[in-house]
Protein backbone atom coordinates (compact mmCIF):
# COMPACT_ATOMS: atom_id res chain seq x y z
CA MET A 1 -9.14 1.17 17.39
CA LYS A 2 -5.53 2.97 17.59
CA THR A 3 -4.42 5.21 15.36
CA ILE A 4 -1.12 4.54 13.03
CA TYR A 5 -1.92 7.72 11.11
CA LYS A 6 -3.64 10.95 11.66
CA VAL A 7 -3.34 13.58 8.89
CA GLU A 8 -4.95 16.81 9.66
CA ASP A 9 -5.17 19.44 6.94
CA LEU A 10 -2.54 18.54 4.48
CA SER A 11 -2.05 19.30 0.98
CA LYS A 12 0.03 18.97 -1.82
CA GLU A 13 0.73 21.27 -4.75
CA TYR A 14 2.64 20.68 -8.04
CA ASP A 15 3.21 23.89 -10.39
CA GLY A 16 1.21 26.37 -8.16
CA LYS A 17 -1.68 24.03 -8.62
CA GLU A 18 -3.50 21.85 -5.15
CA VAL A 19 -3.71 17.83 -6.06
CA LEU A 20 -4.55 16.78 -2.79
CA LYS A 21 -6.74 19.01 -0.20
CA VAL A 22 -7.16 16.23 3.12
CA GLU A 23 -8.52 17.87 6.18
CA ASP A 24 -8.52 14.88 8.44
CA PHE A 25 -8.37 11.25 7.89
CA ASP A 26 -7.25 8.31 10.08
CA LEU A 27 -5.37 5.06 9.41
CA PHE A 28 -6.12 2.48 12.01
CA GLN A 29 -3.16 -0.46 13.26
CA GLY A 30 -4.33 -3.76 12.42
CA GLU A 31 -7.36 -2.51 9.41
CA ILE A 32 -6.87 -3.28 5.95
CA PHE A 33 -8.40 0.48 3.80
CA GLY A 34 -8.98 0.67 0.37
CA LEU A 35 -8.17 3.89 -1.05
CA VAL A 36 -10.44 4.30 -4.63
CA GLY A 37 -11.08 6.77 -7.10
CA PRO A 38 -10.97 7.79 -10.51
CA SER A 39 -7.76 8.00 -11.89
CA GLY A 40 -6.76 11.53 -10.66
CA ALA A 41 -8.20 11.97 -8.47
CA GLY A 42 -4.83 12.24 -5.84
CA LYS A 43 -4.92 8.53 -4.84
CA SER A 44 -0.97 8.12 -5.49
CA THR A 45 0.21 11.71 -4.33
CA LEU A 46 -1.29 10.36 -0.67
CA LEU A 47 -0.01 7.38 -0.38
CA ARG A 48 3.54 9.22 -1.25
CA LEU A 49 2.93 11.29 1.69
CA LEU A 50 2.30 8.91 4.18
CA ASP A 51 5.28 6.72 3.21
CA PHE A 52 7.59 9.75 3.19
CA LEU A 53 8.79 10.01 -0.11
CA GLU A 54 8.26 13.48 -0.71
CA PRO A 55 6.68 16.26 1.99
CA PRO A 56 3.33 17.94 2.37
CA THR A 57 2.79 21.58 0.90
CA SER A 58 1.09 22.14 4.15
CA GLY A 59 -0.27 20.05 6.97
CA VAL A 60 -0.10 17.83 9.47
CA ILE A 61 1.11 13.71 9.29
CA LYS A 62 1.30 12.21 13.01
CA PHE A 63 2.81 8.90 12.77
CA LYS A 64 2.59 6.79 15.41
CA GLY A 65 1.65 10.00 17.95
CA GLN A 66 4.89 11.93 16.00
CA GLU A 67 3.93 14.83 14.50
CA TYR A 68 6.02 15.45 10.65
CA HIS A 69 5.51 18.31 8.38
CA GLN A 70 7.12 20.27 5.20
CA THR A 71 10.23 20.77 7.63
CA LYS A 72 9.94 17.91 9.93
CA GLU A 73 10.26 14.16 8.48
CA PRO A 74 11.05 11.19 9.86
CA GLY A 75 14.78 9.55 10.18
CA LEU A 76 15.12 6.11 9.07
CA ASP A 77 14.54 4.21 11.23
CA ILE A 78 10.67 5.21 10.69
CA LYS A 79 10.87 4.84 7.75
CA ARG A 80 12.25 1.64 7.65
CA LYS A 81 9.06 0.82 9.28
CA ILE A 82 7.03 1.85 6.22
CA THR A 83 7.23 0.76 2.64
CA THR A 84 4.91 0.85 -0.65
CA VAL A 85 4.68 -2.47 -3.64
CA PHE A 86 4.18 -0.11 -6.51
CA GLN A 87 2.65 -0.93 -10.07
CA GLU A 88 5.21 -1.38 -12.11
CA PRO A 89 8.31 -3.37 -9.13
CA ALA A 90 11.53 -1.76 -9.23
CA LEU A 91 14.07 -5.07 -8.89
CA LEU A 92 17.46 -4.78 -8.62
CA LYS A 93 19.27 -7.26 -11.87
CA THR A 94 20.10 -10.04 -9.45
CA THR A 95 18.72 -13.01 -8.60
CA VAL A 96 15.04 -13.17 -7.09
CA TRP A 97 16.33 -15.06 -3.57
CA LYS A 98 18.81 -11.86 -3.20
CA ASN A 99 16.18 -9.10 -4.23
CA ILE A 100 13.81 -10.63 -1.53
CA THR A 101 16.48 -10.44 1.45
CA TYR A 102 18.03 -7.26 -0.18
CA PRO A 103 15.51 -5.46 3.02
CA LEU A 104 17.07 -8.04 5.64
CA LYS A 105 20.12 -6.85 4.14
CA ILE A 106 20.30 -3.22 4.66
CA ARG A 107 18.88 -3.94 8.36
CA GLY A 108 21.82 -6.03 9.00
CA ILE A 109 19.53 -9.30 9.35
CA PRO A 110 20.89 -12.61 9.73
CA ILE A 111 18.97 -15.09 7.68
CA LYS A 112 18.39 -18.39 10.21
CA GLY A 113 16.60 -19.81 12.57
CA GLU A 114 12.57 -19.25 12.43
CA LEU A 115 12.99 -16.08 10.28
CA LYS A 116 14.75 -18.71 7.72
CA SER A 117 11.86 -20.40 7.97
CA GLU A 118 9.48 -17.87 7.15
CA LEU A 119 11.64 -16.87 4.82
CA GLU A 120 11.20 -19.88 2.92
CA ASN A 121 7.60 -20.39 3.97
CA LEU A 122 7.02 -16.49 2.04
CA ILE A 123 8.39 -17.71 -1.20
CA THR A 124 6.72 -20.81 -1.21
CA ASP A 125 3.57 -19.36 -0.62
CA LEU A 126 4.15 -16.82 -3.59
CA SER A 127 4.86 -19.46 -5.86
CA LEU A 128 8.82 -18.00 -6.10
CA TRP A 129 10.64 -21.15 -4.62
CA GLU A 130 11.62 -22.71 -8.32
CA LEU A 131 12.27 -18.80 -9.16
CA LYS A 132 14.34 -17.90 -6.47
CA ASP A 133 18.28 -18.92 -8.50
CA GLN A 134 16.34 -17.00 -11.30
CA ARG A 135 17.63 -13.34 -12.19
CA ALA A 136 14.66 -11.31 -11.31
CA ASP A 137 14.95 -8.76 -14.26
CA LYS A 138 14.15 -11.59 -16.62
CA LEU A 139 10.84 -12.43 -15.25
CA SER A 140 7.05 -11.93 -16.13
CA GLY A 141 5.00 -8.40 -15.19
CA GLY A 142 3.14 -11.18 -12.91
CA GLU A 143 6.17 -12.99 -11.23
CA ALA A 144 8.34 -9.58 -10.80
CA GLN A 145 5.07 -8.13 -8.54
CA ARG A 146 4.89 -11.74 -7.06
CA VAL A 147 8.78 -10.71 -5.98
CA ALA A 148 8.48 -7.14 -4.87
CA VAL A 149 5.47 -8.27 -2.84
CA ALA A 150 7.98 -11.08 -0.79
CA ARG A 151 10.50 -8.10 -0.77
CA ALA A 152 8.31 -5.82 0.57
CA LEU A 153 7.36 -8.80 3.74
CA ILE A 154 10.02 -10.03 4.36
CA PHE A 155 10.89 -7.43 7.29
CA LYS A 156 7.58 -7.33 8.62
CA PRO A 157 6.54 -3.26 8.22
CA GLU A 158 4.01 -2.06 10.65
CA VAL A 159 2.68 -0.29 7.52
CA LEU A 160 2.35 -1.95 3.77
CA PHE A 161 1.00 0.61 0.82
CA LEU A 162 0.32 -1.11 -2.49
CA ASP A 163 -0.80 1.34 -5.08
CA GLU A 164 -2.49 -0.87 -7.94
CA PRO A 165 -0.33 -4.58 -7.21
CA THR A 166 -2.07 -6.53 -9.69
CA SER A 167 -2.74 -3.89 -12.63
CA ASN A 168 -3.03 -5.26 -15.91
CA LEU A 169 -2.08 -8.84 -14.14
CA ASP A 170 -4.04 -12.14 -14.73
CA PRO A 171 -6.24 -13.80 -12.03
CA THR A 172 -3.78 -16.39 -11.36
CA ASN A 173 -1.25 -13.72 -10.03
CA ILE A 174 -3.74 -11.49 -9.07
CA SER A 175 -4.89 -14.59 -6.23
CA ILE A 176 -1.36 -14.96 -4.51
CA ILE A 177 -1.20 -11.23 -4.46
CA GLU A 178 -4.14 -10.89 -3.10
CA ASN A 179 -4.49 -13.93 -0.13
CA LYS A 180 -1.07 -12.97 0.74
CA ILE A 181 -2.00 -9.70 1.37
CA LYS A 182 -4.90 -10.21 3.37
CA GLN A 183 -3.46 -13.03 4.78
CA TYR A 184 -0.34 -10.52 6.08
CA GLY A 185 -2.98 -8.34 6.90
CA LYS A 186 -4.91 -10.67 9.23
CA ARG A 187 -1.96 -12.52 11.10
CA THR A 188 -0.02 -9.80 11.76
CA GLY A 189 -2.03 -7.19 13.22
CA LYS A 190 0.41 -4.87 10.95
CA THR A 191 -1.91 -1.79 8.59
CA VAL A 192 -2.50 -2.15 4.90
CA LEU A 193 -3.38 0.48 2.56
CA VAL A 194 -4.49 -0.26 -1.59
CA VAL A 195 -5.27 2.01 -3.93
CA THR A 196 -6.69 -0.20 -6.17
CA HIS A 197 -9.62 0.89 -9.52
CA ASN A 198 -10.72 -2.21 -8.73
CA ILE A 199 -14.36 -2.88 -6.79
CA PHE A 200 -13.99 -6.42 -6.74
CA GLN A 201 -11.11 -5.91 -5.31
CA ALA A 202 -11.86 -3.35 -2.45
CA LYS A 203 -14.59 -5.46 -2.03
CA ARG A 204 -12.11 -8.75 -1.47
CA LEU A 205 -9.81 -7.22 0.71
CA THR A 206 -10.79 -4.49 2.75
CA ASP A 207 -12.22 -3.67 6.06
CA ARG A 208 -12.49 0.12 5.18
CA VAL A 209 -12.96 2.28 2.36
CA GLY A 210 -12.34 5.92 1.37
CA LEU A 211 -13.49 7.73 -1.83
CA LEU A 212 -11.25 10.35 -2.99
CA HIS A 213 -11.86 12.63 -6.05
CA ARG A 214 -10.19 16.12 -7.05
CA GLY A 215 -7.82 15.06 -4.04
CA GLU A 216 -10.62 15.12 -1.43
CA PHE A 217 -12.07 12.40 0.66
CA ILE A 218 -16.05 11.97 -0.10
CA GLU A 219 -16.58 9.61 1.72
CA ILE A 220 -15.00 6.75 4.32
CA LYS A 221 -17.45 3.79 5.17
CA GLU A 222 -16.75 0.16 6.39
CA ARG A 223 -16.78 -1.44 3.64
CA ASP A 224 -19.87 -3.56 3.70
CA ASN A 225 -21.82 0.27 4.30
CA PHE A 226 -19.49 1.84 1.79
CA PHE A 227 -20.51 -0.53 -1.43
CA ASN A 228 -24.14 -1.22 -0.14
CA SER A 229 -25.06 2.30 1.64
CA PRO A 230 -22.88 4.60 0.21
CA ASP A 231 -24.79 8.74 1.96
CA ASN A 232 -22.81 10.67 -0.97
CA LYS A 233 -24.16 10.84 -4.98
CA LEU A 234 -20.55 11.53 -5.86
CA THR A 235 -19.75 7.25 -4.39
CA GLN A 236 -23.12 6.06 -5.65
CA LYS A 237 -21.82 7.31 -9.01
CA PHE A 238 -18.38 5.95 -8.73
CA LEU A 239 -19.96 2.39 -7.89
CA ALA A 240 -22.15 2.81 -10.62
CA GLY A 241 -19.55 3.52 -13.26
CA ASP A 242 -20.05 7.38 -14.14
CA LEU A 243 -17.86 9.36 -12.05
CA LEU A 244 -15.39 11.16 -14.08
CA PRO A 245 -12.36 12.66 -13.12
C-alpha cells in the first residue's frame, strides 16, 4: 500500500511535559485507521499534529513524501487537502446548506452539474435534506454532527480525520455517520483516521487499529488480529477494560 503519512521521532511537549512520543508510524492511502487508547493517551494531540493545526516539538511528519517539522509547515494548498471532524462541531450561524457548501465557496468551486448532484446525494444520505434551510446553530447534537461530516466530505479531502465523531450520540445518528464514513473511504480510496473510545466502533469501521498509551504506540495491527490475537499485554488489558491512563 502507498504511504501517505510517515512519522519519524515525533514528539510534543506542553509546558515542558512530553505528552506524545511516536518513533515511527505510517498511514496508508485508502485505509481506515482506528486510533484507540485511554483518555489522556495523546490521541487528539497526534491528530492535531497530523492535520498541521500545531507544530511538533521535534521530529518529522512526511505527507506525500514532503517533510514538515517544527519550523516548516505546509502551505494552504496542502492543508486544504486534509480536514478534521471534531467531537464538538463548530458550525456557522447560518443555514445547514450554507454550512455544508462553505468549503466549496472558499475554494471557489461552483456548485453545478455532477457536483450539485453529489451534494444533494450527500445531504440525503446523511438525512439532512429536510433540514437544509434551517439554521445550523439550532440543531440537535446528532444533527449538527451530521452537518459537520457532510461539510468535511463535500470537497473530497485526501485525508479525513475524525476525533470521537459519534461520542454521546444515539444509535441512529451513530449508524448514519458510520455508514457514510465507511462508504467514503471505500468508494473514493481516500484515507480516514478515526479516534474512538468505542471498541465496537473500531471493529465496525477500520482496516487497521493502533493502541496509543501515555503518548506512545503500544501495538498496531490489522483489525481482526488486533482484537482477536493482540501481542502486547497492555493491549490485552485495554480490550478487557483494565488499562488505566
